[in-house]
Amino acid sequence: MEEIVKGLLHLSGELKEIKVHLQHLNKTRAEIFNESWIDGQDVLLALNISQRTLQTLRDSGILPFSKLNGKFYYKVSDLESLLESNYSGNHKRQSHD
């Protein structure tokens, strides 16, 4: 009896994993698009920066963007790249011997 319960619990777990994968596959193109692009307000909140700082990042070419009907959009991957390129762990630390 105990083996049957263990088997059912294992099967239940596997069915839950399959359900998650199916839900991911069923996402609409719009949902996938929304995951890869965010608007300026979301960038301001995510990076905790001012509108002026965001404008400077755009103007200097540091942060690529797309503009549609006066609204700016940014690729999440570009934001991740910007953060990675400025990550302090990427630079060699100077020794103070």
PDB file of N, CA and C in Angstrom:
ATOM      1  N   MET A   1       0.818  -1.195   0.000  1.00  0.00           N
ATOM      2  CA  MET A   1       0.000   0.000   0.000  1.00  0.00           C
ATOM      3  C   MET A   1       0.868   1.267   0.000  1.00  0.00           C
ATOM      4  N   GLU A   2       1.941   1.223   0.796  1.00  0.00           N
ATOM      5  CA  GLU A   2       2.836   2.372   0.886  1.00  0.00           C
ATOM      6  C   GLU A   2       3.496   2.660  -0.463  1.00  0.00           C
ATOM      7  N   GLU A   3       3.818   1.622  -1.201  1.00  0.00           N
ATOM      8  CA  GLU A   3       4.428   1.791  -2.519  1.00  0.00           C
ATOM      9  C   GLU A   3       3.464   2.465  -3.478  1.00  0.00           C
ATOM     10  N   ILE A   4       2.196   2.138  -3.385  1.00  0.00           N
ATOM     11  CA  ILE A   4       1.185   2.747  -4.258  1.00  0.00           C
ATOM     12  C   ILE A   4       1.069   4.238  -3.959  1.00  0.00           C
ATOM     13  N   VAL A   5       1.061   4.615  -2.701  1.00  0.00           N
ATOM     14  CA  VAL A   5       0.973   6.024  -2.307  1.00  0.00           C
ATOM     15  C   VAL A   5       2.203   6.786  -2.809  1.00  0.00           C
ATOM     16  N   LYS A   6       3.387   6.200  -2.638  1.00  0.00           N
ATOM     17  CA  LYS A   6       4.615   6.842  -3.124  1.00  0.00           C
ATOM     18  C   LYS A   6       4.561   7.008  -4.636  1.00  0.00           C
ATOM     19  N   GLY A   7       4.069   5.973  -5.330  1.00  0.00           N
ATOM     20  CA  GLY A   7       3.960   6.041  -6.781  1.00  0.00           C
ATOM     21  C   GLY A   7       2.996   7.117  -7.225  1.00  0.00           C
ATOM     22  N   LEU A   8       1.867   7.244  -6.542  1.00  0.00           N
ATOM     23  CA  LEU A   8       0.888   8.274  -6.877  1.00  0.00           C
ATOM     24  C   LEU A   8       1.437   9.677  -6.609  1.00  0.00           C
ATOM     25  N   LEU A   9       2.160   9.841  -5.503  1.00  0.00           N
ATOM     26  CA  LEU A   9       2.758  11.144  -5.214  1.00  0.00           C
ATOM     27  C   LEU A   9       3.802  11.519  -6.263  1.00  0.00           C
ATOM     28  N   HIS A  10       4.595  10.547  -6.673  1.00  0.00           N
ATOM     29  CA  HIS A  10       5.596  10.786  -7.717  1.00  0.00           C
ATOM     30  C   HIS A  10       4.916  11.166  -9.032  1.00  0.00           C
ATOM     31  N   LEU A  11       3.870  10.434  -9.383  1.00  0.00           N
ATOM     32  CA  LEU A  11       3.123  10.702 -10.616  1.00  0.00           C
ATOM     33  C   LEU A  11       2.471  12.080 -10.555  1.00  0.00           C
ATOM     34  N   SER A  12       1.954  12.451  -9.402  1.00  0.00           N
ATOM     35  CA  SER A  12       1.335  13.762  -9.228  1.00  0.00           C
ATOM     36  C   SER A  12       2.358  14.873  -9.457  1.00  0.00           C
ATOM     37  N   GLY A  13       3.550  14.692  -8.926  1.00  0.00           N
ATOM     38  CA  GLY A  13       4.607  15.683  -9.120  1.00  0.00           C
ATOM     39  C   GLY A  13       4.985  15.833 -10.580  1.00  0.00           C
ATOM     40  N   GLU A  14       5.085  14.714 -11.273  1.00  0.00           N
ATOM     41  CA  GLU A  14       5.427  14.767 -12.693  1.00  0.00           C
ATOM     42  C   GLU A  14       4.325  15.432 -13.506  1.00  0.00           C
ATOM     43  N   LEU A  15       3.068  15.187 -13.153  1.00  0.00           N
ATOM     44  CA  LEU A  15       1.953  15.830 -13.858  1.00  0.00           C
ATOM     45  C   LEU A  15       1.962  17.335 -13.641  1.00  0.00           C
ATOM     46  N   LYS A  16       2.327  17.774 -12.450  1.00  0.00           N
ATOM     47  CA  LYS A  16       2.425  19.207 -12.179  1.00  0.00           C
ATOM     48  C   LYS A  16       3.512  19.839 -13.045  1.00  0.00           C
ATOM     49  N   GLU A  17       4.643  19.166 -13.190  1.00  0.00           N
ATOM     50  CA  GLU A  17       5.725  19.676 -14.040  1.00  0.00           C
ATOM     51  C   GLU A  17       5.269  19.778 -15.494  1.00  0.00           C
ATOM     52  N   ILE A  18       4.553  18.787 -15.968  1.00  0.00           N
ATOM     53  CA  ILE A  18       4.041  18.801 -17.346  1.00  0.00           C
ATOM     54  C   ILE A  18       3.071  19.959 -17.519  1.00  0.00           C
ATOM     55  N   LYS A  19       2.235  20.186 -16.527  1.00  0.00           N
ATOM     56  CA  LYS A  19       1.265  21.282 -16.594  1.00  0.00           C
ATOM     57  C   LYS A  19       1.986  22.624 -16.723  1.00  0.00           C
ATOM     58  N   VAL A  20       3.036  22.820 -15.952  1.00  0.00           N
ATOM     59  CA  VAL A  20       3.800  24.074 -16.012  1.00  0.00           C
ATOM     60  C   VAL A  20       4.394  24.261 -17.401  1.00  0.00           C
ATOM     61  N   HIS A  21       4.957  23.195 -17.964  1.00  0.00           N
ATOM     62  CA  HIS A  21       5.549  23.290 -19.305  1.00  0.00           C
ATOM     63  C   HIS A  21       4.490  23.589 -20.357  1.00  0.00           C
ATOM     64  N   LEU A  22       3.335  22.988 -20.247  1.00  0.00           N
ATOM     65  CA  LEU A  22       2.253  23.241 -21.198  1.00  0.00           C
ATOM     66  C   LEU A  22       1.744  24.678 -21.085  1.00  0.00           C
ATOM     67  N   GLN A  23       1.644  25.181 -19.887  1.00  0.00           N
ATOM     68  CA  GLN A  23       1.211  26.566 -19.707  1.00  0.00           C
ATOM     69  C   GLN A  23       2.209  27.528 -20.344  1.00  0.00           C
ATOM     70  N   HIS A  24       3.484  27.222 -20.217  1.00  0.00           N
ATOM     71  CA  HIS A  24       4.510  28.065 -20.828  1.00  0.00           C
ATOM     72  C   HIS A  24       4.397  28.028 -22.352  1.00  0.00           C
ATOM     73  N   LEU A  25       4.149  26.866 -22.908  1.00  0.00           N
ATOM     74  CA  LEU A  25       4.022  26.734 -24.354  1.00  0.00           C
ATOM     75  C   LEU A  25       2.779  27.429 -24.886  1.00  0.00           C
ATOM     76  N   ASN A  26       1.769  27.559 -24.063  1.00  0.00           N
ATOM     77  CA  ASN A  26       0.508  28.152 -24.484  1.00  0.00           C
ATOM     78  C   ASN A  26       0.489  29.670 -24.391  1.00  0.00           C
ATOM     79  N   LYS A  27       1.572  30.275 -23.969  1.00  0.00           N
ATOM     80  CA  LYS A  27       1.603  31.729 -23.889  1.00  0.00           C
ATOM     81  C   LYS A  27       1.381  32.328 -25.274  1.00  0.00           C
ATOM     82  N   THR A  28       0.662  33.416 -25.299  1.00  0.00           N
ATOM     83  CA  THR A  28       0.411  34.089 -26.564  1.00  0.00           C
ATOM     84  C   THR A  28       1.655  34.867 -26.977  1.00  0.00           C
ATOM     85  N   ARG A  29       1.704  35.240 -28.220  1.00  0.00           N
ATOM     86  CA  ARG A  29       2.833  36.050 -28.702  1.00  0.00           C
ATOM     87  C   ARG A  29       2.902  37.370 -27.953  1.00  0.00           C
ATOM     88  N   ALA A  30       1.754  37.940 -27.627  1.00  0.00           N
ATOM     89  CA  ALA A  30       1.735  39.206 -26.896  1.00  0.00           C
ATOM     90  C   ALA A  30       2.366  39.048 -25.518  1.00  0.00           C
ATOM     91  N   GLU A  31       2.085  37.940 -24.849  1.00  0.00           N
ATOM     92  CA  GLU A  31       2.672  37.701 -23.535  1.00  0.00           C
ATOM     93  C   GLU A  31       4.180  37.547 -23.644  1.00  0.00           C
ATOM     94  N   ILE A  32       4.643  36.837 -24.655  1.00  0.00           N
ATOM     95  CA  ILE A  32       6.080  36.655 -24.861  1.00  0.00           C
ATOM     96  C   ILE A  32       6.722  37.997 -25.193  1.00  0.00           C
ATOM     97  N   PHE A  33       6.056  38.796 -26.030  1.00  0.00           N
ATOM     98  CA  PHE A  33       6.562  40.122 -26.384  1.00  0.00           C
ATOM     99  C   PHE A  33       6.686  40.995 -25.139  1.00  0.00           C
ATOM    100  N   ASN A  34       5.674  40.968 -24.287  1.00  0.00           N
ATOM    101  CA  ASN A  34       5.696  41.789 -23.076  1.00  0.00           C
ATOM    102  C   ASN A  34       6.807  41.385 -22.129  1.00  0.00           C
ATOM    103  N   GLU A  35       7.261  40.146 -22.200  1.00  0.00           N
ATOM    104  CA  GLU A  35       8.350  39.704 -21.349  1.00  0.00           C
ATOM    105  C   GLU A  35       9.695  40.225 -21.840  1.00  0.00           C
ATOM    106  N   SER A  36       9.794  40.577 -23.111  1.00  0.00           N
ATOM    107  CA  SER A  36      11.087  40.969 -23.648  1.00  0.00           C
ATOM    108  C   SER A  36      11.248  42.481 -23.829  1.00  0.00           C
ATOM    109  N   TRP A  37      10.167  43.257 -23.765  1.00  0.00           N
ATOM    110  CA  TRP A  37      10.216  44.708 -23.890  1.00  0.00           C
ATOM    111  C   TRP A  37       9.477  45.339 -22.712  1.00  0.00           C
ATOM    112  N   ILE A  38      10.041  46.414 -22.164  1.00  0.00           N
ATOM    113  CA  ILE A  38       9.350  47.151 -21.109  1.00  0.00           C
ATOM    114  C   ILE A  38       9.403  48.639 -21.432  1.00  0.00           C
ATOM    115  N   ASP A  39       8.462  49.396 -20.877  1.00  0.00           N
ATOM    116  CA  ASP A  39       8.438  50.827 -21.157  1.00  0.00           C
ATOM    117  C   ASP A  39       9.333  51.579 -20.177  1.00  0.00           C
ATOM    118  N   GLY A  40       9.484  52.873 -20.444  1.00  0.00           N
ATOM    119  CA  GLY A  40      10.387  53.697 -19.652  1.00  0.00           C
ATOM    120  C   GLY A  40      10.054  53.722 -18.174  1.00  0.00           C
ATOM    121  N   GLN A  41       8.758  53.760 -17.848  1.00  0.00           N
ATOM    122  CA  GLN A  41       8.355  53.799 -16.446  1.00  0.00           C
ATOM    123  C   GLN A  41       8.830  52.554 -15.710  1.00  0.00           C
ATOM    124  N   ASP A  42       8.727  51.404 -16.360  1.00  0.00           N
ATOM    125  CA  ASP A  42       9.203  50.170 -15.733  1.00  0.00           C
ATOM    126  C   ASP A  42      10.717  50.190 -15.541  1.00  0.00           C
ATOM    127  N   VAL A  43      11.433  50.792 -16.482  1.00  0.00           N
ATOM    128  CA  VAL A  43      12.890  50.911 -16.351  1.00  0.00           C
ATOM    129  C   VAL A  43      13.235  51.803 -15.156  1.00  0.00           C
ATOM    130  N   LEU A  44      12.529  52.932 -15.037  1.00  0.00           N
ATOM    131  CA  LEU A  44      12.772  53.842 -13.918  1.00  0.00           C
ATOM    132  C   LEU A  44      12.586  53.132 -12.582  1.00  0.00           C
ATOM    133  N   LEU A  45      11.522  52.359 -12.484  1.00  0.00           N
ATOM    134  CA  LEU A  45      11.235  51.649 -11.242  1.00  0.00           C
ATOM    135  C   LEU A  45      12.232  50.517 -10.991  1.00  0.00           C
ATOM    136  N   ALA A  46      12.567  49.791 -12.048  1.00  0.00           N
ATOM    137  CA  ALA A  46      13.464  48.643 -11.895  1.00  0.00           C
ATOM    138  C   ALA A  46      14.873  49.070 -11.496  1.00  0.00           C
ATOM    139  N   LEU A  47      15.358  50.145 -12.088  1.00  0.00           N
ATOM    140  CA  LEU A  47      16.725  50.596 -11.824  1.00  0.00           C
ATOM    141  C   LEU A  47      16.806  51.677 -10.752  1.00  0.00           C
ATOM    142  N   ASN A  48      15.630  52.169 -10.325  1.00  0.00           N
ATOM    143  CA  ASN A  48      15.568  53.231  -9.323  1.00  0.00           C
ATOM    144  C   ASN A  48      16.390  54.446  -9.764  1.00  0.00           C
ATOM    145  N   ILE A  49      16.110  54.897 -10.992  1.00  0.00           N
ATOM    146  CA  ILE A  49      16.810  56.052 -11.555  1.00  0.00           C
ATOM    147  C   ILE A  49      15.775  57.118 -11.929  1.00  0.00           C
ATOM    148  N   SER A  50      16.262  58.330 -12.187  1.00  0.00           N
ATOM    149  CA  SER A  50      15.379  59.431 -12.572  1.00  0.00           C
ATOM    150  C   SER A  50      15.141  59.411 -14.079  1.00  0.00           C
ATOM    151  N   GLN A  51      14.141  60.180 -14.504  1.00  0.00           N
ATOM    152  CA  GLN A  51      13.866  60.309 -15.939  1.00  0.00           C
ATOM    153  C   GLN A  51      15.059  60.912 -16.662  1.00  0.00           C
ATOM    154  N   ARG A  52      15.716  61.861 -16.013  1.00  0.00           N
ATOM    155  CA  ARG A  52      16.886  62.507 -16.622  1.00  0.00           C
ATOM    156  C   ARG A  52      18.014  61.511 -16.823  1.00  0.00           C
ATOM    157  N   THR A  53      18.250  60.641 -15.864  1.00  0.00           N
ATOM    158  CA  THR A  53      19.297  59.625 -15.997  1.00  0.00           C
ATOM    159  C   THR A  53      18.967  58.676 -17.135  1.00  0.00           C
ATOM    160  N   LEU A  54      17.706  58.289 -17.230  1.00  0.00           N
ATOM    161  CA  LEU A  54      17.297  57.406 -18.325  1.00  0.00           C
ATOM    162  C   LEU A  54      17.492  58.108 -19.666  1.00  0.00           C
ATOM    163  N   GLN A  55      17.159  59.392 -19.738  1.00  0.00           N
ATOM    164  CA  GLN A  55      17.359  60.148 -20.971  1.00  0.00           C
ATOM    165  C   GLN A  55      18.844  60.217 -21.321  1.00  0.00           C
ATOM    166  N   THR A  56      19.694  60.402 -20.338  1.00  0.00           N
ATOM    167  CA  THR A  56      21.143  60.444 -20.567  1.00  0.00           C
ATOM    168  C   THR A  56      21.640  59.106 -21.105  1.00  0.00           C
ATOM    169  N   LEU A  57      21.136  58.008 -20.554  1.00  0.00           N
ATOM    170  CA  LEU A  57      21.519  56.680 -21.046  1.00  0.00           C
ATOM    171  C   LEU A  57      21.104  56.501 -22.504  1.00  0.00           C
ATOM    172  N   ARG A  58      19.934  57.019 -22.859  1.00  0.00           N
ATOM    173  CA  ARG A  58      19.473  56.961 -24.256  1.00  0.00           C
ATOM    174  C   ARG A  58      20.335  57.840 -25.153  1.00  0.00           C
ATOM    175  N   ASP A  59      20.485  59.110 -24.750  1.00  0.00           N
ATOM    176  CA  ASP A  59      21.201  60.098 -25.574  1.00  0.00           C
ATOM    177  C   ASP A  59      22.651  59.711 -25.822  1.00  0.00           C
ATOM    178  N   SER A  60      23.275  59.079 -24.841  1.00  0.00           N
ATOM    179  CA  SER A  60      24.678  58.709 -24.972  1.00  0.00           C
ATOM    180  C   SER A  60      24.861  57.393 -25.724  1.00  0.00           C
ATOM    181  N   GLY A  61      23.754  56.713 -26.032  1.00  0.00           N
ATOM    182  CA  GLY A  61      23.837  55.455 -26.757  1.00  0.00           C
ATOM    183  C   GLY A  61      24.160  54.263 -25.868  1.00  0.00           C
ATOM    184  N   ILE A  62      24.180  54.485 -24.575  1.00  0.00           N
ATOM    185  CA  ILE A  62      24.488  53.398 -23.643  1.00  0.00           C
ATOM    186  C   ILE A  62      23.339  52.394 -23.593  1.00  0.00           C
ATOM    187  N   LEU A  63      22.116  52.898 -23.671  1.00  0.00           N
ATOM    188  CA  LEU A  63      20.938  52.031 -23.590  1.00  0.00           C
ATOM    189  C   LEU A  63      20.109  52.170 -24.867  1.00  0.00           C
ATOM    190  N   PRO A  64      20.109  51.143 -25.700  1.00  0.00           N
ATOM    191  CA  PRO A  64      19.298  51.181 -26.922  1.00  0.00           C
ATOM    192  C   PRO A  64      17.809  51.236 -26.582  1.00  0.00           C
ATOM    193  N   PHE A  65      17.027  51.774 -27.489  1.00  0.00           N
ATOM    194  CA  PHE A  65      15.591  51.907 -27.251  1.00  0.00           C
ATOM    195  C   PHE A  65      14.829  51.893 -28.560  1.00  0.00           C
ATOM    196  N   SER A  66      13.540  51.793 -28.424  1.00  0.00           N
ATOM    197  CA  SER A  66      12.628  51.937 -29.553  1.00  0.00           C
ATOM    198  C   SER A  66      11.588  52.972 -29.138  1.00  0.00           C
ATOM    199  N   LYS A  67      11.203  53.813 -30.064  1.00  0.00           N
ATOM    200  CA  LYS A  67      10.230  54.858 -29.749  1.00  0.00           C
ATOM    201  C   LYS A  67       9.023  54.684 -30.652  1.00  0.00           C
ATOM    202  N   LEU A  68       7.853  54.633 -30.039  1.00  0.00           N
ATOM    203  CA  LEU A  68       6.615  54.464 -30.780  1.00  0.00           C
ATOM    204  C   LEU A  68       5.579  55.409 -30.203  1.00  0.00           C
ATOM    205  N   ASN A  69       5.066  56.294 -31.047  1.00  0.00           N
ATOM    206  CA  ASN A  69       4.064  57.276 -30.608  1.00  0.00           C
ATOM    207  C   ASN A  69       4.514  58.062 -29.383  1.00  0.00           C
ATOM    208  N   GLY A  70       5.779  58.449 -29.359  1.00  0.00           N
ATOM    209  CA  GLY A  70       6.308  59.264 -28.277  1.00  0.00           C
ATOM    210  C   GLY A  70       6.640  58.508 -27.004  1.00  0.00           C
ATOM    211  N   LYS A  71       6.485  57.199 -27.022  1.00  0.00           N
ATOM    212  CA  LYS A  71       6.777  56.398 -25.835  1.00  0.00           C
ATOM    213  C   LYS A  71       7.996  55.531 -26.100  1.00  0.00           C
ATOM    214  N   PHE A  72       8.886  55.458 -25.112  1.00  0.00           N
ATOM    215  CA  PHE A  72      10.122  54.707 -25.257  1.00  0.00           C
ATOM    216  C   PHE A  72       9.956  53.300 -24.695  1.00  0.00           C
ATOM    217  N   TYR A  73      10.557  52.335 -25.401  1.00  0.00           N
ATOM    218  CA  TYR A  73      10.541  50.937 -24.983  1.00  0.00           C
ATOM    219  C   TYR A  73      11.973  50.414 -25.003  1.00  0.00           C
ATOM    220  N   TYR A  74      12.242  49.478 -24.102  1.00  0.00           N
ATOM    221  CA  TYR A  74      13.588  48.958 -23.932  1.00  0.00           C
ATOM    222  C   TYR A  74      13.544  47.439 -23.862  1.00  0.00           C
ATOM    223  N   LYS A  75      14.547  46.804 -24.443  1.00  0.00           N
ATOM    224  CA  LYS A  75      14.648  45.348 -24.346  1.00  0.00           C
ATOM    225  C   LYS A  75      15.192  44.983 -22.971  1.00  0.00           C
ATOM    226  N   VAL A  76      14.569  44.021 -22.363  1.00  0.00           N
ATOM    227  CA  VAL A  76      15.040  43.539 -21.064  1.00  0.00           C
ATOM    228  C   VAL A  76      16.468  43.022 -21.192  1.00  0.00           C
ATOM    229  N   SER A  77      16.766  42.376 -22.304  1.00  0.00           N
ATOM    230  CA  SER A  77      18.123  41.842 -22.508  1.00  0.00           C
ATOM    231  C   SER A  77      19.164  42.966 -22.557  1.00  0.00           C
ATOM    232  N   ASP A  78      18.792  44.143 -23.104  1.00  0.00           N
ATOM    233  CA  ASP A  78      19.722  45.276 -23.129  1.00  0.00           C
ATOM    234  C   ASP A  78      19.971  45.804 -21.717  1.00  0.00           C
ATOM    235  N   LEU A  79      18.921  45.817 -20.905  1.00  0.00           N
ATOM    236  CA  LEU A  79      19.089  46.252 -19.515  1.00  0.00           C
ATOM    237  C   LEU A  79      19.983  45.274 -18.759  1.00  0.00           C
ATOM    238  N   GLU A  80      19.769  43.987 -18.983  1.00  0.00           N
ATOM    239  CA  GLU A  80      20.601  42.977 -18.328  1.00  0.00           C
ATOM    240  C   GLU A  80      22.060  43.128 -18.759  1.00  0.00           C
ATOM    241  N   SER A  81      22.282  43.373 -20.044  1.00  0.00           N
ATOM    242  CA  SER A  81      23.654  43.557 -20.544  1.00  0.00           C
ATOM    243  C   SER A  81      24.308  44.777 -19.915  1.00  0.00           C
ATOM    244  N   LEU A  82      23.547  45.862 -19.795  1.00  0.00           N
ATOM    245  CA  LEU A  82      24.068  47.084 -19.187  1.00  0.00           C
ATOM    246  C   LEU A  82      24.464  46.833 -17.736  1.00  0.00           C
ATOM    247  N   LEU A  83      23.613  46.140 -17.013  1.00  0.00           N
ATOM    248  CA  LEU A  83      23.924  45.841 -15.620  1.00  0.00           C
ATOM    249  C   LEU A  83      25.133  44.910 -15.512  1.00  0.00           C
ATOM    250  N   GLU A  84      25.187  43.906 -16.361  1.00  0.00           N
ATOM    251  CA  GLU A  84      26.318  42.965 -16.343  1.00  0.00           C
ATOM    252  C   GLU A  84      27.635  43.680 -16.656  1.00  0.00           C
ATOM    253  N   SER A  85      27.610  44.576 -17.649  1.00  0.00           N
ATOM    254  CA  SER A  85      28.839  45.261 -18.056  1.00  0.00           C
ATOM    255  C   SER A  85      29.342  46.217 -16.979  1.00  0.00           C
ATOM    256  N   ASN A  86      28.464  46.622 -16.079  1.00  0.00           N
ATOM    257  CA  ASN A  86      28.857  47.521 -14.993  1.00  0.00           C
ATOM    258  C   ASN A  86      28.964  46.803 -13.653  1.00  0.00           C
ATOM    259  N   TYR A  87      28.899  45.497 -13.678  1.00  0.00           N
ATOM    260  CA  TYR A  87      28.979  44.699 -12.468  1.00  0.00           C
ATOM    261  C   TYR A  87      30.392  44.756 -11.909  1.00  0.00           C
ATOM    262  N   SER A  88      30.516  45.096 -10.650  1.00  0.00           N
ATOM    263  CA  SER A  88      31.845  45.275 -10.055  1.00  0.00           C
ATOM    264  C   SER A  88      32.640  43.975 -10.025  1.00  0.00           C
ATOM    265  N   GLY A  89      31.980  42.851 -10.076  1.00  0.00           N
ATOM    266  CA  GLY A  89      32.676  41.570 -10.091  1.00  0.00           C
ATOM    267  C   GLY A  89      33.397  41.310 -11.400  1.00  0.00           C
ATOM    268  N   ASN A  90      33.108  42.098 -12.431  1.00  0.00           N
ATOM    269  CA  ASN A  90      33.758  41.938 -13.728  1.00  0.00           C
ATOM    270  C   ASN A  90      35.110  42.629 -13.787  1.00  0.00           C
ATOM    271  N   HIS A  91      35.407  43.453 -12.824  1.00  0.00           N
ATOM    272  CA  HIS A  91      36.655  44.219 -12.825  1.00  0.00           C
ATOM    273  C   HIS A  91      37.625  43.606 -11.826  1.00  0.00           C
ATOM    274  N   LYS A  92      38.888  43.630 -12.175  1.00  0.00           N
ATOM    275  CA  LYS A  92      39.910  43.150 -11.240  1.00  0.00           C
ATOM    276  C   LYS A  92      40.047  44.166 -10.119  1.00  0.00           C
ATOM    277  N   ARG A  93      40.112  43.651  -8.942  1.00  0.00           N
ATOM    278  CA  ARG A  93      40.296  44.532  -7.802  1.00  0.00           C
ATOM    279  C   ARG A  93      41.750  44.940  -7.687  1.00  0.00           C
ATOM    280  N   GLN A  94      41.928  46.191  -7.353  1.00  0.00           N
ATOM    281  CA  GLN A  94      43.293  46.687  -7.187  1.00  0.00           C
ATOM    282  C   GLN A  94      43.738  46.375  -5.764  1.00  0.00           C
ATOM    283  N   SER A  95      44.951  45.861  -5.672  1.00  0.00           N
ATOM    284  CA  SER A  95      45.465  45.574  -4.330  1.00  0.00           C
ATOM    285  C   SER A  95      46.065  46.846  -3.758  1.00  0.00           C
ATOM    286  N   HIS A  96      45.930  46.986  -2.489  1.00  0.00           N
ATOM    287  CA  HIS A  96      46.461  48.162  -1.792  1.00  0.00           C
ATOM    288  C   HIS A  96      47.615  47.750  -0.890  1.00  0.00           C
ATOM    289  N   ASP A  97      48.605  47.059  -1.483  1.00  0.00           N
ATOM    290  CA  ASP A  97      49.755  46.578  -0.703  1.00  0.00           C
ATOM    291  C   ASP A  97      50.743  47.683  -0.457  1.00  0.00           C
TER     292      ASP A  97
END
